[in-house]
Amino acid sequence: MLTRLLMAAFVAMMTFAPASWAADFKVATIDYNRAIQEIEEGKQAQARLDKMLEGKRAEIEQLEADLRSLQQEYQSKAAVLSDTARQDYERRLYEMNAKYQQLYASSEMAMQEAYLSAMEGLMTGLKVTAEQLGKEKNLDLILEVSQGTVLYAKPGTDITDEVVKRYNAAHPVKK
């Protein structure tokens, strides 16, 4: 909402601005999503998140397989079980299902927290790098295109590649 409001204000300002002032107005764009995928720290963060996801997925799949196995065992024996044995199976199924649900929810929450934590640091670093580049190039405005509503950007205004290059130079990654 705020992005659209700022964009509308920018368009209105440019529409009514004197031609001489508008000609000196310098704008660039950046695509943070692409930059995060291309910077070395972003690649490492994605690899860590993928590894974390794989570990959680394996744990969930194992518990899911155990739950299915217990359900099949219960169904195959249900006709001959005593009331006490039936109640024991039902209790175990209930507990295992609750454990499965809890594990799934906690894993999802942990993944979201890890993702947000990784992205927060990367976004802060990219913003600082973009601001420095904007000052060096004497830009008046830098628009973020992946989150905003930029409908057109003149070729050559995208500084994403240069921001990625400078970010990687300023934040070397140990391999």
N, C-alpha and C. Protein backbone atom coordinates (compact mmCIF):
# COMPACT_ATOMS: atom_id res chain seq x y z
N MET A 1 0.83 -1.18 0.00
CA MET A 1 0.00 0.00 0.00
C MET A 1 0.88 1.25 0.00
N LEU A 2 1.86 1.29 0.90
CA LEU A 2 2.75 2.44 0.98
C LEU A 2 3.56 2.58 -0.30
N THR A 3 3.98 1.44 -0.87
CA THR A 3 4.75 1.46 -2.11
C THR A 3 3.93 2.08 -3.23
N ARG A 4 2.67 1.70 -3.32
CA ARG A 4 1.81 2.26 -4.37
C ARG A 4 1.60 3.75 -4.16
N LEU A 5 1.45 4.16 -2.92
CA LEU A 5 1.27 5.57 -2.61
C LEU A 5 2.52 6.36 -2.99
N LEU A 6 3.69 5.82 -2.65
CA LEU A 6 4.93 6.49 -3.01
C LEU A 6 5.10 6.55 -4.53
N MET A 7 4.72 5.47 -5.19
CA MET A 7 4.83 5.43 -6.65
C MET A 7 3.91 6.47 -7.28
N ALA A 8 2.68 6.58 -6.76
CA ALA A 8 1.73 7.57 -7.29
C ALA A 8 2.26 8.98 -7.05
N ALA A 9 2.84 9.22 -5.88
CA ALA A 9 3.40 10.54 -5.59
C ALA A 9 4.56 10.83 -6.53
N PHE A 10 5.39 9.85 -6.78
CA PHE A 10 6.52 10.01 -7.70
C PHE A 10 6.03 10.34 -9.10
N VAL A 11 5.04 9.61 -9.59
CA VAL A 11 4.49 9.85 -10.92
C VAL A 11 3.90 11.25 -10.99
N ALA A 12 3.13 11.65 -9.97
CA ALA A 12 2.54 12.99 -9.95
C ALA A 12 3.64 14.06 -9.93
N MET A 13 4.67 13.83 -9.14
CA MET A 13 5.77 14.78 -9.05
C MET A 13 6.45 14.93 -10.41
N MET A 14 6.69 13.82 -11.07
CA MET A 14 7.36 13.86 -12.36
C MET A 14 6.48 14.49 -13.44
N THR A 15 5.15 14.31 -13.32
CA THR A 15 4.23 14.86 -14.30
C THR A 15 4.21 16.37 -14.24
N PHE A 16 4.24 16.91 -13.04
CA PHE A 16 4.12 18.35 -12.88
C PHE A 16 5.45 19.06 -12.65
N ALA A 17 6.54 18.33 -12.66
CA ALA A 17 7.85 18.92 -12.44
C ALA A 17 8.31 19.68 -13.68
N PRO A 18 9.06 20.74 -13.50
CA PRO A 18 9.61 21.45 -14.65
C PRO A 18 10.52 20.51 -15.44
N ALA A 19 10.52 20.66 -16.73
CA ALA A 19 11.29 19.76 -17.61
C ALA A 19 12.77 19.78 -17.27
N SER A 20 13.32 20.91 -16.91
CA SER A 20 14.75 20.98 -16.61
C SER A 20 15.09 20.19 -15.35
N TRP A 21 14.20 20.25 -14.36
CA TRP A 21 14.44 19.50 -13.13
C TRP A 21 14.28 18.01 -13.37
N ALA A 22 13.26 17.61 -14.12
CA ALA A 22 13.00 16.20 -14.39
C ALA A 22 14.14 15.57 -15.17
N ALA A 23 14.78 16.34 -16.04
CA ALA A 23 15.88 15.80 -16.83
C ALA A 23 17.08 15.45 -15.94
N ASP A 24 17.23 16.14 -14.84
CA ASP A 24 18.35 15.88 -13.93
C ASP A 24 18.03 14.82 -12.88
N PHE A 25 16.81 14.37 -12.84
CA PHE A 25 16.37 13.40 -11.84
C PHE A 25 16.87 12.02 -12.24
N LYS A 26 17.67 11.39 -11.38
CA LYS A 26 18.27 10.10 -11.72
C LYS A 26 17.66 8.99 -10.87
N VAL A 27 17.15 7.98 -11.56
CA VAL A 27 16.47 6.86 -10.91
C VAL A 27 17.15 5.56 -11.32
N ALA A 28 17.24 4.63 -10.37
CA ALA A 28 17.76 3.28 -10.64
C ALA A 28 16.82 2.28 -9.99
N THR A 29 16.92 1.05 -10.41
CA THR A 29 16.10 -0.02 -9.83
C THR A 29 17.00 -1.13 -9.31
N ILE A 30 16.46 -1.87 -8.37
CA ILE A 30 17.16 -3.06 -7.86
C ILE A 30 16.12 -4.14 -7.62
N ASP A 31 16.50 -5.38 -7.86
CA ASP A 31 15.65 -6.54 -7.62
C ASP A 31 16.27 -7.31 -6.45
N TYR A 32 15.74 -7.07 -5.24
CA TYR A 32 16.30 -7.72 -4.05
C TYR A 32 16.20 -9.24 -4.11
N ASN A 33 15.11 -9.77 -4.65
CA ASN A 33 14.97 -11.23 -4.73
C ASN A 33 16.11 -11.83 -5.56
N ARG A 34 16.37 -11.24 -6.70
CA ARG A 34 17.45 -11.75 -7.55
C ARG A 34 18.80 -11.55 -6.87
N ALA A 35 18.98 -10.39 -6.25
CA ALA A 35 20.25 -10.11 -5.57
C ALA A 35 20.53 -11.13 -4.47
N ILE A 36 19.51 -11.45 -3.68
CA ILE A 36 19.69 -12.43 -2.60
C ILE A 36 20.07 -13.80 -3.16
N GLN A 37 19.50 -14.16 -4.29
CA GLN A 37 19.83 -15.45 -4.90
C GLN A 37 21.23 -15.47 -5.48
N GLU A 38 21.75 -14.29 -5.85
CA GLU A 38 23.05 -14.24 -6.52
C GLU A 38 24.22 -13.93 -5.61
N ILE A 39 24.00 -13.27 -4.46
CA ILE A 39 25.14 -12.98 -3.59
C ILE A 39 25.60 -14.29 -2.93
N GLU A 40 26.88 -14.36 -2.65
CA GLU A 40 27.45 -15.59 -2.09
C GLU A 40 26.83 -15.93 -0.73
N GLU A 41 26.62 -14.93 0.12
CA GLU A 41 26.00 -15.19 1.42
C GLU A 41 24.57 -15.72 1.24
N GLY A 42 23.88 -15.23 0.23
CA GLY A 42 22.52 -15.70 -0.06
C GLY A 42 22.52 -17.16 -0.50
N LYS A 43 23.50 -17.53 -1.32
CA LYS A 43 23.62 -18.92 -1.75
C LYS A 43 23.91 -19.83 -0.56
N GLN A 44 24.81 -19.37 0.33
CA GLN A 44 25.12 -20.17 1.52
C GLN A 44 23.91 -20.28 2.44
N ALA A 45 23.18 -19.18 2.61
CA ALA A 45 21.99 -19.21 3.46
C ALA A 45 20.96 -20.19 2.89
N GLN A 46 20.79 -20.18 1.57
CA GLN A 46 19.83 -21.09 0.94
C GLN A 46 20.26 -22.53 1.12
N ALA A 47 21.57 -22.80 1.01
CA ALA A 47 22.08 -24.16 1.22
C ALA A 47 21.83 -24.62 2.65
N ARG A 48 22.06 -23.72 3.64
CA ARG A 48 21.79 -24.07 5.04
C ARG A 48 20.30 -24.35 5.26
N LEU A 49 19.46 -23.51 4.67
CA LEU A 49 18.01 -23.71 4.82
C LEU A 49 17.57 -25.01 4.17
N ASP A 50 18.12 -25.32 3.00
CA ASP A 50 17.78 -26.57 2.32
C ASP A 50 18.20 -27.78 3.16
N LYS A 51 19.38 -27.71 3.77
CA LYS A 51 19.87 -28.81 4.61
C LYS A 51 18.98 -28.96 5.84
N MET A 52 18.61 -27.84 6.44
CA MET A 52 17.73 -27.87 7.60
C MET A 52 16.36 -28.46 7.23
N LEU A 53 15.85 -28.05 6.09
CA LEU A 53 14.56 -28.56 5.61
C LEU A 53 14.62 -30.07 5.36
N GLU A 54 15.70 -30.53 4.76
CA GLU A 54 15.85 -31.96 4.48
C GLU A 54 15.86 -32.76 5.77
N GLY A 55 16.57 -32.27 6.78
CA GLY A 55 16.61 -32.96 8.07
C GLY A 55 15.24 -33.03 8.72
N LYS A 56 14.53 -31.93 8.69
CA LYS A 56 13.18 -31.90 9.28
C LYS A 56 12.23 -32.80 8.49
N ARG A 57 12.36 -32.76 7.16
CA ARG A 57 11.49 -33.58 6.31
C ARG A 57 11.72 -35.06 6.59
N ALA A 58 12.97 -35.47 6.76
CA ALA A 58 13.28 -36.88 7.04
C ALA A 58 12.68 -37.31 8.37
N GLU A 59 12.78 -36.45 9.37
CA GLU A 59 12.23 -36.76 10.69
C GLU A 59 10.69 -36.89 10.62
N ILE A 60 10.07 -35.99 9.91
CA ILE A 60 8.60 -36.03 9.76
C ILE A 60 8.17 -37.26 8.99
N GLU A 61 8.88 -37.57 7.90
CA GLU A 61 8.53 -38.73 7.09
C GLU A 61 8.68 -40.03 7.89
N GLN A 62 9.71 -40.11 8.74
CA GLN A 62 9.89 -41.31 9.56
C GLN A 62 8.75 -41.47 10.54
N LEU A 63 8.35 -40.39 11.20
CA LEU A 63 7.24 -40.45 12.15
C LEU A 63 5.93 -40.78 11.43
N GLU A 64 5.76 -40.23 10.23
CA GLU A 64 4.56 -40.52 9.43
C GLU A 64 4.51 -42.00 9.05
N ALA A 65 5.65 -42.57 8.68
CA ALA A 65 5.71 -44.00 8.34
C ALA A 65 5.39 -44.86 9.56
N ASP A 66 5.92 -44.48 10.73
CA ASP A 66 5.64 -45.21 11.97
C ASP A 66 4.15 -45.15 12.30
N LEU A 67 3.55 -44.00 12.10
CA LEU A 67 2.13 -43.82 12.36
C LEU A 67 1.29 -44.69 11.42
N ARG A 68 1.63 -44.71 10.14
CA ARG A 68 0.90 -45.55 9.18
C ARG A 68 1.04 -47.03 9.53
N SER A 69 2.24 -47.41 9.92
CA SER A 69 2.49 -48.80 10.28
C SER A 69 1.63 -49.21 11.49
N LEU A 70 1.58 -48.35 12.50
CA LEU A 70 0.77 -48.64 13.68
C LEU A 70 -0.72 -48.69 13.33
N GLN A 71 -1.16 -47.80 12.43
CA GLN A 71 -2.57 -47.81 12.01
C GLN A 71 -2.91 -49.11 11.28
N GLN A 72 -2.01 -49.56 10.40
CA GLN A 72 -2.25 -50.80 9.67
C GLN A 72 -2.26 -52.00 10.62
N GLU A 73 -1.34 -51.99 11.56
CA GLU A 73 -1.29 -53.07 12.55
C GLU A 73 -2.59 -53.10 13.35
N TYR A 74 -3.05 -51.95 13.77
CA TYR A 74 -4.30 -51.85 14.54
C TYR A 74 -5.49 -52.34 13.71
N GLN A 75 -5.57 -51.91 12.46
CA GLN A 75 -6.68 -52.31 11.61
C GLN A 75 -6.69 -53.81 11.34
N SER A 76 -5.50 -54.38 11.19
CA SER A 76 -5.44 -55.82 10.90
C SER A 76 -5.79 -56.67 12.13
N LYS A 77 -5.59 -56.14 13.33
CA LYS A 77 -5.85 -56.88 14.55
C LYS A 77 -7.14 -56.45 15.26
N ALA A 78 -7.79 -55.40 14.78
CA ALA A 78 -8.92 -54.80 15.50
C ALA A 78 -10.01 -55.80 15.83
N ALA A 79 -10.30 -56.73 14.94
CA ALA A 79 -11.40 -57.68 15.14
C ALA A 79 -11.14 -58.66 16.29
N VAL A 80 -9.89 -58.93 16.61
CA VAL A 80 -9.58 -59.93 17.64
C VAL A 80 -9.02 -59.32 18.93
N LEU A 81 -8.95 -58.02 18.99
CA LEU A 81 -8.38 -57.37 20.18
C LEU A 81 -9.39 -57.30 21.32
N SER A 82 -8.87 -57.44 22.52
CA SER A 82 -9.71 -57.24 23.70
C SER A 82 -9.95 -55.74 23.85
N ASP A 83 -10.90 -55.37 24.69
CA ASP A 83 -11.20 -53.95 24.90
C ASP A 83 -9.97 -53.21 25.42
N THR A 84 -9.23 -53.82 26.31
CA THR A 84 -8.04 -53.20 26.88
C THR A 84 -6.97 -52.99 25.80
N ALA A 85 -6.75 -54.01 24.97
CA ALA A 85 -5.75 -53.92 23.90
C ALA A 85 -6.18 -52.89 22.87
N ARG A 86 -7.48 -52.83 22.55
CA ARG A 86 -8.00 -51.86 21.59
C ARG A 86 -7.78 -50.44 22.12
N GLN A 87 -8.07 -50.24 23.40
CA GLN A 87 -7.87 -48.92 24.01
C GLN A 87 -6.39 -48.53 24.01
N ASP A 88 -5.53 -49.51 24.23
CA ASP A 88 -4.10 -49.25 24.23
C ASP A 88 -3.64 -48.81 22.83
N TYR A 89 -4.10 -49.52 21.79
CA TYR A 89 -3.76 -49.14 20.41
C TYR A 89 -4.28 -47.73 20.10
N GLU A 90 -5.52 -47.46 20.48
CA GLU A 90 -6.13 -46.15 20.20
C GLU A 90 -5.38 -45.03 20.92
N ARG A 91 -4.95 -45.30 22.16
CA ARG A 91 -4.17 -44.32 22.91
C ARG A 91 -2.84 -44.07 22.22
N ARG A 92 -2.16 -45.15 21.82
CA ARG A 92 -0.87 -45.02 21.14
C ARG A 92 -1.02 -44.28 19.81
N LEU A 93 -2.08 -44.59 19.07
CA LEU A 93 -2.34 -43.89 17.81
C LEU A 93 -2.59 -42.40 18.05
N TYR A 94 -3.38 -42.11 19.07
CA TYR A 94 -3.69 -40.72 19.40
C TYR A 94 -2.41 -39.96 19.78
N GLU A 95 -1.59 -40.57 20.63
CA GLU A 95 -0.35 -39.93 21.08
C GLU A 95 0.63 -39.73 19.92
N MET A 96 0.73 -40.75 19.05
CA MET A 96 1.65 -40.65 17.93
C MET A 96 1.16 -39.59 16.93
N ASN A 97 -0.14 -39.53 16.72
CA ASN A 97 -0.70 -38.52 15.82
C ASN A 97 -0.46 -37.11 16.38
N ALA A 98 -0.64 -36.95 17.69
CA ALA A 98 -0.39 -35.66 18.33
C ALA A 98 1.09 -35.28 18.20
N LYS A 99 1.97 -36.24 18.37
CA LYS A 99 3.41 -35.99 18.24
C LYS A 99 3.74 -35.59 16.80
N TYR A 100 3.11 -36.26 15.84
CA TYR A 100 3.31 -35.94 14.43
C TYR A 100 2.86 -34.50 14.14
N GLN A 101 1.68 -34.14 14.60
CA GLN A 101 1.15 -32.79 14.38
C GLN A 101 2.06 -31.74 15.01
N GLN A 102 2.52 -32.02 16.23
CA GLN A 102 3.40 -31.09 16.94
C GLN A 102 4.73 -30.94 16.21
N LEU A 103 5.30 -32.04 15.78
CA LEU A 103 6.57 -32.01 15.06
C LEU A 103 6.43 -31.22 13.76
N TYR A 104 5.35 -31.46 13.04
CA TYR A 104 5.11 -30.76 11.77
C TYR A 104 5.01 -29.25 12.00
N ALA A 105 4.21 -28.85 12.99
CA ALA A 105 4.02 -27.43 13.28
C ALA A 105 5.31 -26.78 13.77
N SER A 106 6.03 -27.43 14.66
CA SER A 106 7.27 -26.85 15.18
C SER A 106 8.34 -26.77 14.09
N SER A 107 8.38 -27.75 13.21
CA SER A 107 9.34 -27.73 12.11
C SER A 107 9.05 -26.58 11.15
N GLU A 108 7.79 -26.40 10.86
CA GLU A 108 7.39 -25.31 9.97
C GLU A 108 7.75 -23.96 10.59
N MET A 109 7.49 -23.81 11.87
CA MET A 109 7.81 -22.56 12.57
C MET A 109 9.32 -22.32 12.60
N ALA A 110 10.08 -23.36 12.86
CA ALA A 110 11.54 -23.23 12.89
C ALA A 110 12.09 -22.84 11.53
N MET A 111 11.54 -23.39 10.46
CA MET A 111 11.97 -23.05 9.11
C MET A 111 11.66 -21.59 8.80
N GLN A 112 10.48 -21.14 9.18
CA GLN A 112 10.11 -19.75 8.93
C GLN A 112 11.02 -18.80 9.70
N GLU A 113 11.30 -19.13 10.95
CA GLU A 113 12.18 -18.28 11.76
C GLU A 113 13.59 -18.25 11.18
N ALA A 114 14.10 -19.39 10.74
CA ALA A 114 15.44 -19.44 10.16
C ALA A 114 15.49 -18.63 8.86
N TYR A 115 14.45 -18.74 8.05
CA TYR A 115 14.39 -18.00 6.80
C TYR A 115 14.36 -16.49 7.06
N LEU A 116 13.48 -16.07 7.97
CA LEU A 116 13.37 -14.64 8.27
C LEU A 116 14.66 -14.09 8.86
N SER A 117 15.30 -14.86 9.71
CA SER A 117 16.55 -14.43 10.32
C SER A 117 17.63 -14.26 9.24
N ALA A 118 17.74 -15.21 8.35
CA ALA A 118 18.74 -15.14 7.28
C ALA A 118 18.44 -13.96 6.35
N MET A 119 17.19 -13.78 5.98
CA MET A 119 16.82 -12.72 5.04
C MET A 119 17.00 -11.34 5.65
N GLU A 120 16.75 -11.20 6.94
CA GLU A 120 16.88 -9.90 7.59
C GLU A 120 18.30 -9.36 7.46
N GLY A 121 19.27 -10.20 7.75
CA GLY A 121 20.66 -9.78 7.65
C GLY A 121 21.07 -9.47 6.22
N LEU A 122 20.63 -10.30 5.29
CA LEU A 122 20.98 -10.08 3.89
C LEU A 122 20.34 -8.80 3.36
N MET A 123 19.08 -8.58 3.69
CA MET A 123 18.39 -7.38 3.22
C MET A 123 19.04 -6.12 3.76
N THR A 124 19.44 -6.16 5.02
CA THR A 124 20.10 -5.00 5.62
C THR A 124 21.40 -4.71 4.88
N GLY A 125 22.18 -5.74 4.62
CA GLY A 125 23.45 -5.55 3.90
C GLY A 125 23.24 -5.05 2.48
N LEU A 126 22.23 -5.58 1.80
CA LEU A 126 21.95 -5.13 0.43
C LEU A 126 21.49 -3.67 0.42
N LYS A 127 20.70 -3.31 1.40
CA LYS A 127 20.20 -1.93 1.48
C LYS A 127 21.37 -0.96 1.67
N VAL A 128 22.28 -1.30 2.57
CA VAL A 128 23.45 -0.45 2.81
C VAL A 128 24.27 -0.33 1.52
N THR A 129 24.49 -1.45 0.84
CA THR A 129 25.27 -1.44 -0.39
C THR A 129 24.58 -0.60 -1.46
N ALA A 130 23.26 -0.75 -1.60
CA ALA A 130 22.51 0.02 -2.60
C ALA A 130 22.56 1.52 -2.27
N GLU A 131 22.45 1.85 -0.99
CA GLU A 131 22.52 3.26 -0.59
C GLU A 131 23.88 3.86 -0.93
N GLN A 132 24.96 3.11 -0.65
CA GLN A 132 26.30 3.59 -0.97
C GLN A 132 26.45 3.81 -2.48
N LEU A 133 25.95 2.86 -3.25
CA LEU A 133 26.03 2.97 -4.71
C LEU A 133 25.19 4.16 -5.20
N GLY A 134 24.03 4.35 -4.59
CA GLY A 134 23.18 5.48 -4.96
C GLY A 134 23.87 6.80 -4.71
N LYS A 135 24.58 6.91 -3.60
CA LYS A 135 25.33 8.15 -3.29
C LYS A 135 26.46 8.35 -4.29
N GLU A 136 27.19 7.27 -4.60
CA GLU A 136 28.30 7.37 -5.54
C GLU A 136 27.84 7.78 -6.93
N LYS A 137 26.70 7.27 -7.35
CA LYS A 137 26.18 7.56 -8.70
C LYS A 137 25.30 8.81 -8.71
N ASN A 138 25.20 9.46 -7.55
CA ASN A 138 24.38 10.66 -7.43
C ASN A 138 22.93 10.41 -7.88
N LEU A 139 22.39 9.28 -7.43
CA LEU A 139 21.01 8.94 -7.77
C LEU A 139 20.05 9.67 -6.84
N ASP A 140 18.90 10.03 -7.38
CA ASP A 140 17.87 10.66 -6.57
C ASP A 140 16.93 9.63 -5.96
N LEU A 141 16.81 8.49 -6.61
CA LEU A 141 15.83 7.49 -6.17
C LEU A 141 16.25 6.12 -6.65
N ILE A 142 16.11 5.12 -5.77
CA ILE A 142 16.31 3.73 -6.15
C ILE A 142 15.02 3.00 -5.82
N LEU A 143 14.45 2.34 -6.82
CA LEU A 143 13.20 1.61 -6.64
C LEU A 143 13.47 0.12 -6.57
N GLU A 144 12.82 -0.56 -5.65
CA GLU A 144 12.93 -2.01 -5.50
C GLU A 144 11.83 -2.63 -6.34
N VAL A 145 12.18 -3.37 -7.37
CA VAL A 145 11.19 -3.81 -8.34
C VAL A 145 10.47 -5.11 -7.98
N SER A 146 11.08 -6.00 -7.20
CA SER A 146 10.43 -7.29 -6.94
C SER A 146 9.30 -7.17 -5.92
N GLN A 147 9.33 -6.19 -5.05
CA GLN A 147 8.29 -6.01 -4.05
C GLN A 147 7.33 -4.88 -4.39
N GLY A 148 7.76 -3.96 -5.23
CA GLY A 148 6.96 -2.79 -5.54
C GLY A 148 6.13 -2.97 -6.79
N THR A 149 5.68 -1.86 -7.29
CA THR A 149 4.83 -1.88 -8.48
C THR A 149 5.45 -1.05 -9.58
N VAL A 150 6.69 -1.35 -9.92
CA VAL A 150 7.35 -0.65 -11.00
C VAL A 150 6.83 -1.24 -12.31
N LEU A 151 6.20 -0.41 -13.10
CA LEU A 151 5.64 -0.88 -14.35
C LEU A 151 6.62 -0.78 -15.51
N TYR A 152 7.54 0.11 -15.39
CA TYR A 152 8.54 0.27 -16.44
C TYR A 152 9.84 0.75 -15.82
N ALA A 153 10.92 0.22 -16.31
CA ALA A 153 12.25 0.70 -15.91
C ALA A 153 13.10 0.76 -17.17
N LYS A 154 13.65 1.93 -17.43
CA LYS A 154 14.50 2.12 -18.59
C LYS A 154 15.69 1.16 -18.51
N PRO A 155 16.02 0.50 -19.61
CA PRO A 155 17.20 -0.38 -19.59
C PRO A 155 18.43 0.41 -19.12
N GLY A 156 19.20 -0.22 -18.29
CA GLY A 156 20.40 0.43 -17.77
C GLY A 156 20.18 1.06 -16.40
N THR A 157 18.93 1.06 -15.92
CA THR A 157 18.68 1.64 -14.59
C THR A 157 18.78 0.61 -13.49
N ASP A 158 18.82 -0.66 -13.85
CA ASP A 158 18.88 -1.73 -12.85
C ASP A 158 20.31 -1.86 -12.34
N ILE A 159 20.49 -1.66 -11.04
CA ILE A 159 21.83 -1.71 -10.43
C ILE A 159 22.04 -3.01 -9.66
N THR A 160 21.15 -3.99 -9.82
CA THR A 160 21.23 -5.24 -9.06
C THR A 160 22.59 -5.92 -9.24
N ASP A 161 23.05 -6.04 -10.49
CA ASP A 161 24.33 -6.73 -10.74
C ASP A 161 25.48 -6.04 -10.01
N GLU A 162 25.49 -4.72 -10.04
CA GLU A 162 26.57 -3.98 -9.39
C GLU A 162 26.48 -4.10 -7.86
N VAL A 163 25.25 -4.09 -7.34
CA VAL A 163 25.07 -4.26 -5.89
C VAL A 163 25.55 -5.65 -5.47
N VAL A 164 25.20 -6.68 -6.25
CA VAL A 164 25.64 -8.05 -5.94
C VAL A 164 27.17 -8.12 -5.94
N LYS A 165 27.78 -7.53 -6.95
CA LYS A 165 29.25 -7.55 -7.06
C LYS A 165 29.89 -6.86 -5.86
N ARG A 166 29.39 -5.69 -5.51
CA ARG A 166 29.97 -4.94 -4.39
C ARG A 166 29.69 -5.63 -3.05
N TYR A 167 28.50 -6.20 -2.91
CA TYR A 167 28.16 -6.89 -1.67
C TYR A 167 29.11 -8.07 -1.47
N ASN A 168 29.30 -8.86 -2.52
CA ASN A 168 30.19 -10.01 -2.42
C ASN A 168 31.62 -9.57 -2.11
N ALA A 169 32.05 -8.43 -2.67
CA ALA A 169 33.39 -7.94 -2.39
C ALA A 169 33.51 -7.46 -0.94
N ALA A 170 32.46 -6.85 -0.43
CA ALA A 170 32.50 -6.33 0.93
C ALA A 170 32.24 -7.41 1.99
N HIS A 171 31.63 -8.53 1.59
CA HIS A 171 31.28 -9.61 2.52
C HIS A 171 31.79 -10.93 1.96
N PRO A 172 33.11 -11.12 1.92
CA PRO A 172 33.64 -12.38 1.38
C PRO A 172 33.20 -13.58 2.22
N VAL A 173 32.93 -14.66 1.52
CA VAL A 173 32.45 -15.87 2.17
C VAL A 173 33.56 -16.90 2.17
N LYS A 174 33.75 -17.53 3.33
CA LYS A 174 34.74 -18.61 3.43
C LYS A 174 34.11 -19.87 2.89
N LYS A 175 34.78 -20.50 1.95
CA LYS A 175 34.23 -21.71 1.33
C LYS A 175 34.90 -22.94 1.85
